[in-house]
N, C-alpha and C. Protein backbone atom coordinates (compact mmCIF):
# COMPACT_ATOMS: atom_id res chain seq x y z
N MET A 1 -10.43 10.22 8.86
CA MET A 1 -10.93 11.78 8.99
C MET A 1 -12.09 11.78 9.07
N GLY A 2 -13.09 10.96 8.10
CA GLY A 2 -14.71 10.79 7.91
C GLY A 2 -15.07 11.98 7.01
N LYS A 3 -14.17 12.02 6.14
CA LYS A 3 -14.43 13.02 5.08
C LYS A 3 -15.36 12.82 4.11
N HIS A 4 -15.60 11.36 4.23
CA HIS A 4 -16.94 10.53 3.22
C HIS A 4 -18.30 11.00 4.05
N LYS A 5 -18.37 11.27 5.05
CA LYS A 5 -19.88 11.16 6.16
C LYS A 5 -20.36 12.49 5.74
N PRO A 6 -21.71 12.36 5.58
CA PRO A 6 -22.54 13.78 5.02
C PRO A 6 -22.32 14.63 6.55
N ILE A 7 -21.53 14.33 7.72
CA ILE A 7 -21.93 15.15 9.26
C ILE A 7 -20.18 15.58 9.52
N TYR A 8 -19.52 15.42 8.24
CA TYR A 8 -17.77 15.98 8.34
C TYR A 8 -17.91 17.32 8.98
N ASP A 9 -16.90 17.66 9.78
CA ASP A 9 -16.46 19.42 10.41
C ASP A 9 -14.88 18.75 10.96
N PRO A 10 -14.34 19.84 9.91
CA PRO A 10 -12.47 19.63 10.09
C PRO A 10 -12.23 19.86 11.68
N SER A 11 -13.11 20.33 12.74
CA SER A 11 -12.59 20.37 13.77
C SER A 11 -12.92 19.63 15.08
N ALA A 12 -13.69 18.31 14.26
CA ALA A 12 -14.25 17.42 14.93
C ALA A 12 -13.57 15.91 14.48
N ASP A 13 -13.78 14.97 15.03
CA ASP A 13 -13.13 13.99 14.67
C ASP A 13 -14.39 12.90 14.15
N CYS A 14 -14.34 12.64 13.35
CA CYS A 14 -15.62 11.77 12.20
C CYS A 14 -15.37 10.66 11.93
N GLY A 15 -14.01 10.20 12.11
CA GLY A 15 -13.55 8.70 11.42
C GLY A 15 -14.00 7.29 11.90
N ASP A 16 -13.52 6.41 11.12
CA ASP A 16 -13.83 5.34 11.56
C ASP A 16 -12.79 4.64 11.86
N TYR A 17 -12.56 3.44 12.36
CA TYR A 17 -11.88 2.27 13.34
C TYR A 17 -11.18 1.99 12.15
N VAL A 18 -9.68 1.36 12.48
CA VAL A 18 -8.99 0.67 11.18
C VAL A 18 -7.89 0.11 11.91
N VAL A 19 -8.01 -1.83 11.66
CA VAL A 19 -7.60 -2.73 12.26
C VAL A 19 -6.32 -3.20 10.98
N VAL A 20 -5.08 -3.08 11.54
CA VAL A 20 -4.04 -3.64 10.83
C VAL A 20 -3.81 -5.14 11.72
N ILE A 21 -3.82 -6.04 10.22
CA ILE A 21 -2.94 -7.01 10.91
C ILE A 21 -1.67 -7.42 10.38
N ASN A 22 -1.65 -8.43 11.10
CA ASN A 22 0.14 -9.55 10.36
C ASN A 22 1.12 -7.87 10.09
N ALA A 23 1.26 -7.22 11.53
CA ALA A 23 2.01 -6.24 11.76
C ALA A 23 3.29 -6.71 12.02
N LYS A 24 3.55 -8.34 12.20
CA LYS A 24 4.92 -8.85 12.15
C LYS A 24 5.88 -9.01 10.89
N HIS A 25 4.65 -8.94 10.03
CA HIS A 25 5.21 -8.98 8.54
C HIS A 25 5.60 -8.29 7.84
N VAL A 26 5.63 -7.00 8.49
CA VAL A 26 5.55 -5.66 7.59
C VAL A 26 7.46 -6.13 6.99
N GLY A 27 7.26 -5.10 5.70
CA GLY A 27 8.16 -5.51 4.62
C GLY A 27 8.80 -3.88 4.32
N VAL A 28 10.14 -4.18 4.51
CA VAL A 28 10.93 -2.29 3.95
C VAL A 28 11.48 -2.84 2.99
N THR A 29 12.16 -1.90 2.13
CA THR A 29 13.26 -2.12 1.26
C THR A 29 14.34 -1.72 1.65
N GLY A 30 15.63 -2.33 1.10
CA GLY A 30 17.11 -1.43 1.48
C GLY A 30 17.54 -2.14 2.52
N ARG A 31 18.20 -1.40 3.52
CA ARG A 31 18.56 -1.68 4.71
C ARG A 31 18.24 -0.96 5.62
N LYS A 32 17.06 -0.46 5.55
CA LYS A 32 16.00 -0.09 6.72
C LYS A 32 15.70 -0.97 7.66
N ARG A 33 15.84 -2.37 7.84
CA ARG A 33 15.55 -2.73 9.10
C ARG A 33 16.25 -2.91 9.93
N GLU A 34 18.01 -2.62 9.41
CA GLU A 34 19.00 -2.54 10.36
C GLU A 34 19.53 -1.21 10.72
N GLN A 35 19.09 -0.11 9.85
CA GLN A 35 19.35 1.09 9.67
C GLN A 35 18.72 2.45 10.11
N LYS A 36 17.33 1.90 10.20
CA LYS A 36 16.43 2.92 11.07
C LYS A 36 16.37 2.97 12.20
N LEU A 37 16.54 4.41 13.11
CA LEU A 37 16.50 4.08 14.32
C LEU A 37 15.31 4.67 14.94
N TYR A 38 14.38 4.17 16.16
CA TYR A 38 13.70 4.62 16.73
C TYR A 38 14.28 5.17 18.01
N ARG A 39 13.72 6.52 18.27
CA ARG A 39 14.43 6.84 19.78
C ARG A 39 13.46 7.81 20.38
N HIS A 40 13.78 7.48 21.93
CA HIS A 40 12.86 8.40 22.71
C HIS A 40 13.61 8.52 24.06
N HIS A 41 13.25 9.70 24.55
CA HIS A 41 13.91 9.88 25.76
C HIS A 41 13.49 9.52 27.15
N THR A 42 13.81 8.88 28.43
CA THR A 42 12.97 8.48 29.66
C THR A 42 12.67 9.88 29.97
N GLY A 43 13.35 11.06 30.15
CA GLY A 43 13.21 11.95 31.01
C GLY A 43 14.28 12.52 31.77
N PHE A 44 15.12 11.20 32.42
CA PHE A 44 16.38 11.12 33.31
C PHE A 44 17.29 11.65 32.48
N PRO A 45 18.39 12.53 32.88
CA PRO A 45 19.38 12.65 32.51
C PRO A 45 20.35 11.51 31.53
N GLY A 46 20.62 11.77 30.43
CA GLY A 46 21.25 10.60 29.91
C GLY A 46 20.02 9.56 29.13
N GLY A 47 19.05 9.65 29.59
CA GLY A 47 18.27 8.78 29.08
C GLY A 47 17.82 8.91 27.82
N LEU A 48 18.80 8.79 26.86
CA LEU A 48 18.17 8.71 25.46
C LEU A 48 18.28 7.37 25.14
N LYS A 49 17.16 6.36 24.73
CA LYS A 49 17.40 4.97 24.28
C LYS A 49 17.05 4.90 22.80
N GLU A 50 17.82 3.99 22.09
CA GLU A 50 17.64 3.95 20.63
C GLU A 50 17.02 2.49 20.46
N ALA A 51 16.88 2.23 19.09
CA ALA A 51 16.50 0.58 18.76
C ALA A 51 16.25 0.85 17.34
N THR A 52 16.88 -0.42 16.80
CA THR A 52 17.08 -0.19 15.19
C THR A 52 15.22 -0.90 15.12
N MET A 53 14.92 -0.85 13.88
CA MET A 53 13.42 -1.33 13.40
C MET A 53 13.62 -3.11 13.44
N GLU A 54 14.65 -3.42 13.21
CA GLU A 54 14.98 -5.28 13.85
C GLU A 54 14.68 -5.34 15.06
N GLN A 55 15.03 -4.47 15.96
CA GLN A 55 14.79 -4.65 17.35
C GLN A 55 13.68 -4.31 18.07
N LEU A 56 12.96 -3.13 17.52
CA LEU A 56 11.66 -3.08 18.09
C LEU A 56 10.75 -4.29 17.37
N GLN A 57 11.19 -4.54 16.19
CA GLN A 57 10.08 -5.11 15.39
C GLN A 57 9.80 -6.83 16.24
N GLN A 58 11.00 -7.14 16.96
CA GLN A 58 10.83 -8.44 17.38
C GLN A 58 10.43 -8.51 18.68
N LYS A 59 10.59 -6.87 19.36
CA LYS A 59 9.75 -6.96 20.90
C LYS A 59 8.45 -6.59 20.68
N ASN A 60 7.91 -5.69 19.90
CA ASN A 60 6.77 -5.14 19.93
C ASN A 60 6.77 -4.99 18.74
N PRO A 61 6.02 -5.49 17.59
CA PRO A 61 5.98 -5.62 16.24
C PRO A 61 4.59 -4.32 15.88
N GLU A 62 3.46 -4.27 16.67
CA GLU A 62 2.90 -3.47 16.46
C GLU A 62 3.10 -1.96 16.58
N LYS A 63 4.18 -1.58 17.31
CA LYS A 63 4.95 -0.66 17.71
C LYS A 63 5.48 0.12 16.04
N VAL A 64 5.91 -0.28 15.16
CA VAL A 64 6.45 0.10 14.09
C VAL A 64 5.35 0.42 13.21
N VAL A 65 4.44 0.20 13.18
CA VAL A 65 3.05 0.07 12.32
C VAL A 65 2.44 1.67 13.07
N GLU A 66 2.52 1.54 14.59
CA GLU A 66 1.83 2.70 15.09
C GLU A 66 2.57 3.93 15.06
N LYS A 67 3.98 4.21 15.20
CA LYS A 67 4.85 5.03 14.98
C LYS A 67 4.87 5.75 13.70
N ALA A 68 4.89 4.66 12.52
CA ALA A 68 4.90 5.27 10.76
C ALA A 68 3.67 5.96 10.79
N VAL A 69 2.28 5.27 11.04
CA VAL A 69 0.79 6.27 11.18
C VAL A 69 0.75 7.70 12.15
N SER A 70 1.85 7.26 12.88
CA SER A 70 1.49 8.54 13.89
C SER A 70 2.44 10.00 13.29
N GLY A 71 3.53 9.54 12.84
CA GLY A 71 4.22 10.34 12.08
C GLY A 71 3.87 11.28 10.65
N MET A 72 2.54 10.07 10.48
CA MET A 72 2.39 10.94 9.32
C MET A 72 0.68 11.39 9.43
N LEU A 73 0.21 11.38 10.68
CA LEU A 73 -0.89 12.49 11.02
C LEU A 73 -0.20 13.54 11.35
N PRO A 74 -1.17 14.88 11.30
CA PRO A 74 -0.83 15.90 11.27
C PRO A 74 -0.81 16.32 13.24
N LYS A 75 0.15 16.66 13.23
CA LYS A 75 0.75 16.99 14.84
C LYS A 75 -0.30 18.50 15.46
N ASN A 76 -1.45 17.84 15.65
CA ASN A 76 -2.86 18.30 16.36
C ASN A 76 -3.44 18.02 17.67
N ARG A 77 -4.30 18.43 18.00
CA ARG A 77 -5.19 18.22 19.11
C ARG A 77 -5.67 16.75 18.54
N LEU A 78 -6.17 16.50 17.32
CA LEU A 78 -7.02 15.30 17.31
C LEU A 78 -5.82 14.21 16.56
N ARG A 79 -4.73 14.29 16.95
CA ARG A 79 -4.10 13.30 16.50
C ARG A 79 -3.81 12.11 17.64
N GLN A 80 -4.27 12.24 18.88
CA GLN A 80 -4.31 11.41 19.91
C GLN A 80 -5.63 10.42 19.66
N VAL A 81 -6.61 11.11 19.18
CA VAL A 81 -7.86 10.44 19.03
C VAL A 81 -8.06 9.73 17.83
N ARG A 82 -7.23 9.84 17.37
CA ARG A 82 -7.19 9.53 15.86
C ARG A 82 -6.27 8.28 16.00
N MET A 83 -5.05 8.06 16.74
CA MET A 83 -4.39 7.32 17.17
C MET A 83 -4.85 5.96 17.89
N GLY A 84 -5.94 6.46 18.36
CA GLY A 84 -6.83 5.76 19.73
C GLY A 84 -7.82 4.48 18.43
N ARG A 85 -8.26 5.13 17.23
CA ARG A 85 -8.71 4.52 16.65
C ARG A 85 -8.12 3.58 16.06
N LEU A 86 -7.03 3.06 15.83
CA LEU A 86 -6.15 2.40 14.88
C LEU A 86 -5.88 1.11 15.68
N LEU A 87 -6.20 -0.05 15.23
CA LEU A 87 -5.87 -1.06 16.27
C LEU A 87 -5.14 -1.97 15.25
N VAL A 88 -4.00 -2.37 15.82
CA VAL A 88 -3.08 -3.00 15.25
C VAL A 88 -2.60 -4.43 16.04
N PHE A 89 -2.74 -5.99 14.99
CA PHE A 89 -2.58 -6.60 15.75
C PHE A 89 -1.36 -7.57 15.12
N PRO A 90 -0.24 -8.20 15.80
CA PRO A 90 0.84 -9.18 15.47
C PRO A 90 0.53 -9.91 14.29
N ASP A 91 -0.55 -10.80 14.70
CA ASP A 91 -0.91 -12.21 13.48
C ASP A 91 -2.33 -11.53 12.93
N ALA A 92 -2.58 -12.30 12.55
CA ALA A 92 -3.84 -12.41 11.22
C ALA A 92 -5.30 -12.45 12.14
N GLU A 93 -5.02 -12.82 13.69
CA GLU A 93 -6.91 -13.28 14.47
C GLU A 93 -6.35 -11.96 15.25
N HIS A 94 -7.88 -11.75 15.09
CA HIS A 94 -8.23 -10.24 15.67
C HIS A 94 -9.58 -10.47 16.44
N PRO A 95 -10.08 -9.82 17.44
CA PRO A 95 -11.49 -9.98 17.91
C PRO A 95 -12.61 -9.28 16.84
N TYR A 96 -12.04 -8.42 16.29
CA TYR A 96 -12.94 -7.81 15.34
C TYR A 96 -13.63 -7.84 14.11
N ALA A 97 -13.48 -9.28 13.91
CA ALA A 97 -13.62 -10.18 12.55
C ALA A 97 -15.00 -9.79 11.86
N ASP A 98 -15.86 -9.81 13.08
CA ASP A 98 -17.39 -9.26 12.75
C ASP A 98 -17.64 -8.05 12.46
N ASN A 99 -17.02 -7.05 12.62
CA ASN A 99 -17.20 -5.73 12.69
C ASN A 99 -16.54 -5.02 11.39
N ILE A 100 -15.79 -5.72 10.66
CA ILE A 100 -14.91 -4.76 9.50
C ILE A 100 -16.35 -5.14 8.31
N MET A 101 -16.23 -3.53 7.74
CA MET A 101 -17.36 -3.66 6.63
C MET A 101 -16.60 -3.82 5.21
N LYS A 102 -15.65 -3.36 5.16
CA LYS A 102 -14.80 -2.94 4.10
C LYS A 102 -13.23 -3.67 4.12
N ARG A 103 -12.93 -4.35 3.11
CA ARG A 103 -11.39 -5.25 3.55
C ARG A 103 -10.59 -4.53 2.22
N TYR A 104 -9.15 -4.49 2.61
CA TYR A 104 -8.45 -3.94 1.22
C TYR A 104 -7.43 -4.82 0.84
N ASP A 105 -7.61 -6.35 1.54
CA ASP A 105 -6.55 -6.96 0.58
C ASP A 105 -7.08 -8.23 -0.26
N THR A 106 -8.61 -7.94 -0.92
CA THR A 106 -8.82 -9.17 -1.81
C THR A 106 -9.39 -8.02 -2.71
N LYS A 107 -9.37 -8.64 -3.64
CA LYS A 107 -9.66 -7.84 -4.86
C LYS A 107 -10.66 -7.86 -5.05
N ILE A 108 -11.60 -6.93 -5.85
CA ILE A 108 -12.99 -6.89 -6.36
C ILE A 108 -13.15 -7.48 -7.32
N PRO A 109 -14.52 -8.20 -7.58
CA PRO A 109 -14.31 -8.97 -9.24
C PRO A 109 -14.93 -7.77 -10.02
N LEU A 110 -14.82 -7.81 -11.26
CA LEU A 110 -14.88 -7.00 -12.19
C LEU A 110 -16.40 -7.51 -12.42
N VAL A 111 -17.58 -6.93 -12.41
CA VAL A 111 -18.82 -6.93 -13.13
C VAL A 111 -19.18 -6.25 -14.53
N THR A 112 -19.19 -7.12 -15.55
CA THR A 112 -19.34 -6.52 -16.63
C THR A 112 -21.01 -7.29 -17.51
N GLN A 113 -21.67 -5.94 -17.42
CA GLN A 113 -22.89 -5.76 -17.71
C GLN A 113 -23.10 -5.36 -19.38
N SER A 114 -23.90 -6.31 -20.02
CA SER A 114 -24.03 -5.43 -21.50
C SER A 114 -25.56 -5.25 -21.50
N ILE A 115 -25.64 -3.59 -21.82
CA ILE A 115 -27.02 -3.41 -22.22
C ILE A 115 -27.62 -3.67 -23.33
N ASP A 116 -28.76 -4.11 -23.48
CA ASP A 116 -29.27 -4.53 -24.49
C ASP A 116 -30.65 -3.84 -25.20
């Protein structure tokens, strides 16, 4: 959302891009992989389509992460703008490696300083 920026305004979107890698290796607990259903309607009569998480992850692994994030965002005008800044890749390689400023997959080394 950009709440960490000095130009933050609730009605404007000031957020950053988010890059998610290894979407094909998403793990879930229990039997969600077989039981969780993703539904959409084509718009035609009888056009309700269902797919399990396992089927969707084999066909398009990015969609599982995108649908999860989309469901957590507020349902307002800024939702599609924020989803446009979410970049999901099925594997570790992506074209934005040089642009990433902050990583959350590595531990930050603790620095201890003694005050003399």
